[in-house]
Structures are given as C-alpha cells and as structure tokens.
Protein backbone atom coordinates (compact mmCIF):
# COMPACT_ATOMS: atom_id res chain seq x y z
CA MET A 1 3.26 -7.29 13.94
CA ARG A 2 5.12 -5.83 10.47
CA LEU A 3 5.83 -2.60 10.80
CA ARG A 4 6.17 -1.07 7.27
CA GLY A 5 4.42 2.21 6.54
CA LEU A 6 3.78 5.56 7.34
CA TYR A 7 4.49 6.59 11.27
CA ALA A 8 2.79 9.08 12.54
CA ILE A 9 3.79 11.04 15.63
CA THR A 10 2.61 13.73 17.40
CA ASP A 11 3.27 16.63 18.67
CA GLY A 12 1.11 18.40 21.29
CA VAL A 13 -1.36 18.10 18.64
CA PRO A 14 -4.72 19.98 18.60
CA ARG A 15 -7.99 18.03 18.38
CA LEU A 16 -5.95 14.93 19.33
CA LEU A 17 -8.35 12.12 19.25
CA GLU A 18 -9.81 13.23 15.88
CA ARG A 19 -6.94 14.05 13.57
CA VAL A 20 -5.18 10.85 15.07
CA ALA A 21 -8.20 9.07 14.21
CA ALA A 22 -8.23 10.71 10.25
CA ALA A 23 -4.28 9.91 10.07
CA ILE A 24 -4.62 5.82 10.31
CA VAL A 25 -7.93 6.60 7.80
CA GLY A 26 -5.02 8.20 5.19
CA GLY A 27 -2.66 4.72 5.67
CA ALA A 28 -0.23 5.27 9.94
CA THR A 29 -0.05 1.57 10.70
CA VAL A 30 1.78 3.13 13.73
CA VAL A 31 1.20 6.64 15.99
CA GLN A 32 3.71 7.40 18.49
CA TYR A 33 1.99 9.61 21.51
CA ARG A 34 4.81 12.19 21.57
CA ASP A 35 3.69 15.32 24.71
CA LYS A 36 6.16 16.28 26.33
CA SER A 37 4.54 18.72 29.32
CA ALA A 38 5.83 18.20 32.18
CA ASP A 39 1.82 17.63 33.49
CA ASN A 40 1.90 13.88 34.00
CA ALA A 41 -2.04 13.41 34.73
CA TYR A 42 -3.23 15.09 31.79
CA ARG A 43 -0.71 13.12 30.38
CA GLU A 44 -1.82 9.56 31.57
CA ARG A 45 -5.52 10.31 30.11
CA GLU A 46 -4.87 12.44 26.58
CA ALA A 47 -3.14 8.93 25.84
CA ARG A 48 -5.28 6.48 27.44
CA ASP A 49 -8.21 8.45 25.29
CA LEU A 50 -5.66 7.66 22.78
CA LEU A 51 -5.15 4.49 22.94
CA ALA A 52 -8.69 3.60 22.81
CA VAL A 53 -8.82 5.07 19.45
CA CYS A 54 -5.71 3.06 17.74
CA ARG A 55 -6.91 -0.03 19.20
CA ALA A 56 -10.49 1.04 17.25
CA HIS A 57 -8.57 1.03 14.49
CA GLY A 58 -6.07 -1.91 15.17
CA VAL A 59 -2.94 -0.03 15.10
CA PRO A 60 0.14 -0.14 18.00
CA LEU A 61 -0.06 3.07 19.70
CA ILE A 62 4.40 3.72 20.91
CA ILE A 63 4.85 5.82 23.61
CA ASN A 64 7.36 8.31 23.58
CA ASP A 65 10.07 8.43 26.16
CA ASP A 66 7.78 7.20 29.27
CA VAL A 67 8.18 3.27 30.02
CA ALA A 68 5.57 3.57 32.78
CA LEU A 69 4.03 5.64 31.25
CA ALA A 70 4.07 2.78 28.38
CA ALA A 71 3.07 0.46 31.15
CA THR A 72 0.99 1.94 32.70
CA ILE A 73 -2.36 2.59 30.12
CA GLY A 74 -0.58 -1.16 28.06
CA ALA A 75 0.28 0.60 24.85
CA ASP A 76 1.56 -0.89 22.64
CA GLY A 77 5.51 -0.40 23.29
CA VAL A 78 8.36 2.74 23.45
CA HIS A 79 10.46 4.60 21.88
CA LEU A 80 13.28 5.12 23.61
CA GLY A 81 15.85 8.42 22.91
CA ARG A 82 19.88 8.82 24.15
CA ASP A 83 18.84 10.05 27.42
CA ASP A 84 16.28 7.39 28.12
CA THR A 85 15.37 4.57 29.73
CA ALA A 86 18.15 2.38 29.15
CA LEU A 87 16.75 -0.96 26.63
CA ARG A 88 16.55 -3.66 28.45
CA GLU A 89 15.26 -2.24 31.34
CA ALA A 90 12.28 -1.10 29.14
CA ARG A 91 12.54 -4.53 27.88
CA ARG A 92 12.17 -5.93 31.10
CA ALA A 93 9.07 -3.00 32.41
CA LEU A 94 7.18 -3.75 29.40
CA GLY A 95 7.57 -7.26 28.65
CA ASP A 96 8.84 -9.20 25.09
CA ALA A 97 6.03 -8.56 22.56
CA ALA A 98 6.66 -5.13 23.75
CA ILE A 99 7.85 -2.44 20.35
CA ILE A 100 10.35 -0.93 21.63
CA GLY A 101 12.64 1.79 19.23
CA VAL A 102 15.62 3.51 19.99
CA SER A 103 16.00 6.24 18.57
CA CYS A 104 19.96 6.11 16.69
CA TYR A 105 20.01 9.59 14.41
CA ASN A 106 23.77 9.46 12.05
CA ASP A 107 25.18 6.56 14.25
CA PHE A 108 25.49 3.17 13.04
CA ASP A 109 27.25 1.99 16.33
CA ARG A 110 24.39 2.66 18.23
CA ALA A 111 21.91 1.02 15.82
CA VAL A 112 24.15 -2.40 15.54
CA ALA A 113 24.00 -2.34 20.14
CA ALA A 114 20.39 -1.07 19.92
CA GLN A 115 19.86 -4.48 17.69
CA GLN A 116 21.78 -6.68 20.18
CA ALA A 117 20.08 -5.59 23.02
CA GLY A 118 16.41 -6.43 21.38
CA ALA A 119 15.91 -3.70 19.89
CA SER A 120 12.42 -3.73 17.85
CA TYR A 121 13.40 -1.21 15.05
CA VAL A 122 15.76 1.69 15.03
CA ALA A 123 15.30 5.14 13.16
CA PHE A 124 17.67 7.41 11.73
CA GLY A 125 17.45 11.37 11.31
CA ARG A 126 16.97 13.90 11.20
CA PHE A 127 17.48 13.14 6.84
CA PHE A 128 15.56 16.98 5.81
CA ALA A 129 15.66 19.98 7.84
CA SER A 130 13.08 19.69 10.92
CA HIS A 131 10.03 21.53 12.86
CA THR A 132 10.31 18.64 15.83
CA LYS A 133 14.43 18.91 15.35
CA PRO A 134 15.95 21.56 14.41
CA ASP A 135 18.40 21.45 15.12
CA ALA A 136 19.43 17.23 15.88
CA ALA A 137 22.61 15.80 13.26
CA PRO A 138 21.51 15.24 10.17
CA ALA A 139 21.63 11.46 8.75
CA ASN A 140 22.33 9.86 4.92
CA LEU A 141 21.35 7.71 2.59
CA ASP A 142 24.25 5.56 2.69
CA LEU A 143 23.57 4.92 6.41
CA ILE A 144 20.30 3.51 4.71
CA HIS A 145 21.72 1.77 2.70
CA GLN A 146 24.61 0.53 5.40
CA ALA A 147 21.06 -0.15 7.73
CA LYS A 148 19.83 -2.42 5.57
CA ALA A 149 22.82 -4.82 4.10
CA GLN A 150 23.64 -5.24 7.86
CA LEU A 151 20.55 -5.61 10.66
CA SER A 152 17.85 -7.67 10.75
CA ILE A 153 15.12 -5.34 12.69
CA PRO A 154 12.79 -2.49 10.80
CA VAL A 155 13.99 0.42 9.75
CA VAL A 156 12.93 4.04 10.43
CA ALA A 157 13.62 7.38 8.38
CA ILE A 158 12.80 10.48 10.61
CA GLY A 159 13.19 14.25 10.09
CA GLY A 160 11.78 16.69 7.55
CA ILE A 161 10.20 13.62 5.93
CA THR A 162 7.89 15.16 3.18
CA PRO A 163 5.51 13.64 -0.26
CA ASP A 164 8.23 15.22 -1.72
CA ASN A 165 11.60 14.29 -0.89
CA ALA A 166 10.25 10.81 1.05
CA ALA A 167 11.35 8.96 -2.55
CA PRO A 168 15.07 8.88 -1.76
CA LEU A 169 14.63 7.37 1.12
CA ILE A 170 11.65 4.52 -0.02
CA ASP A 171 14.34 3.78 -2.61
CA ALA A 172 16.60 2.99 0.17
CA GLY A 173 14.61 0.45 1.81
CA VAL A 174 13.34 1.76 4.35
CA ASP A 175 10.99 0.17 6.30
CA MET A 176 8.80 2.95 7.70
CA LEU A 177 8.87 6.88 7.24
CA ALA A 178 8.10 8.74 10.35
CA VAL A 179 6.49 12.54 10.42
CA VAL A 180 6.08 14.38 12.86
CA HIS A 181 4.62 17.85 10.45
CA GLY A 182 3.97 16.40 7.38
CA ILE A 183 0.48 14.79 8.94
CA PHE A 184 -0.54 16.63 11.40
CA GLY A 185 0.66 20.14 10.36
CA GLN A 186 -1.39 20.37 7.45
CA ALA A 187 -5.16 21.03 7.46
CA ASP A 188 -5.77 18.00 6.77
CA PRO A 189 -4.04 14.29 8.14
CA GLU A 190 -5.52 12.02 6.38
CA GLN A 191 -5.26 13.72 2.79
CA ALA A 192 -1.34 14.58 3.69
CA ALA A 193 -0.76 11.00 4.88
CA ARG A 194 -2.48 9.49 2.56
CA ARG A 195 -0.40 11.39 -0.14
CA TYR A 196 2.54 8.96 1.40
CA THR A 197 1.37 5.71 1.74
CA GLN A 198 0.65 5.99 -2.10
CA LEU A 199 3.77 7.43 -2.95
CA PHE A 200 5.01 4.05 -0.45
CA GLU A 201 2.98 1.61 -2.45
CA HIS A 202 3.84 2.80 -5.89
CA LEU A 203 7.42 2.64 -5.70
CA ARG A 204 7.74 -0.41 -3.90
CA ASN A 205 4.98 -2.13 -6.64
CA GLN A 206 7.32 -1.09 -9.71
CA PRO A 207 9.02 -3.66 -10.91
C-alpha cells in the first residue's frame, strides 16, 4: 500500500461518519481515528463504525495511540507517540501487514530509530501554529529534506497545515500531509479535503 496524499485525522469530530466520508470523497487517502476520551466502550463502537466507512471507500483506518483497540476492531494500523506502546510490541500485536506510524516531532534520530524498528512511516511536526497541539515543538523544512535524503519510508508532515501554507512541504518532498482542523474544523470537509488534494496533484505534476 502506497502512503501518499492527504492524511485526515479526527479529533472529537461531530457527525463523525458523515464528515469522514465527505473527506474521503474529497480525496483523503488515509484516515486516523483520534479520540482522547476515557469511555473505552464508546471509542470502540465509534471506531468500528468508522472502520466500516473506511472499508466501504477502500481507505485504511489507523488508530491513534491504542494498539489494543486497533487489534480488537481489525483496523489497518496504529499511530504511536513518544509515550505509547513500543513499536516492536505493536508490530507483534498487529502483524507484519499493519501500518505503524511514529510521531518524531522535530527529532531526526527518533525517525532513524523508528525506521530501523520497522515503522511504516514517520511523522514530523508541528510545522505551523496548531489547533490540536499548540505547545508542540516546531519543526522545519530542513528536517523534511534530511528525512527524504536518508530514510526509505514515507514522511508525513503535521501541525497547522492549510492549503495556503502547504506548498513548501510538498515541494520539500513530504509523502503525506496530516490534517485535523484544516478538514474537520471547516464547514464542508469534502471541499476542504479537495483543496489539499488538488494542491498535491498540481505541485507533483509540475515539470
């Protein structure tokens, strides 16, 4: 499975199934379920319903920070942060085919270690002011250039990315743009997603 394009991340989205389906129609190629509530039963029900939507559209569903939930519902993979389950443990739980992403913030050495441990992709950021994680450490384009030159797995950028500021990231070679508020904080997620995907297509198709 090629990881490329718009990576839509939910975060307590109202009308979740409807709005995620709209984002997929707009061009999102991967969806991540992110919900920090403590109601595990609710999260499982919602994640199962979301998985059905993603399956219907042929788009993989990644679970944020919860290997057990990913395994329970049969999701396509998991995304791990600094304080989450170890990557090798997640791989044992989910299998060789699972997509396992790792947040690397602004730490290139962490990305190298993640690739060596079997990560499917690494994510850097925040690149701009972020609604979701306003206190996250900033990252810069040099990190993307270094990652694309030295890593062999896909590179994801996250953090305050909009259609108006995304072009330098795409030009630097990022494989995916991970977006929360820029899609689900907008009135029309389909049109919001389409702006990103059109930008990706336009810039990548330039001679």
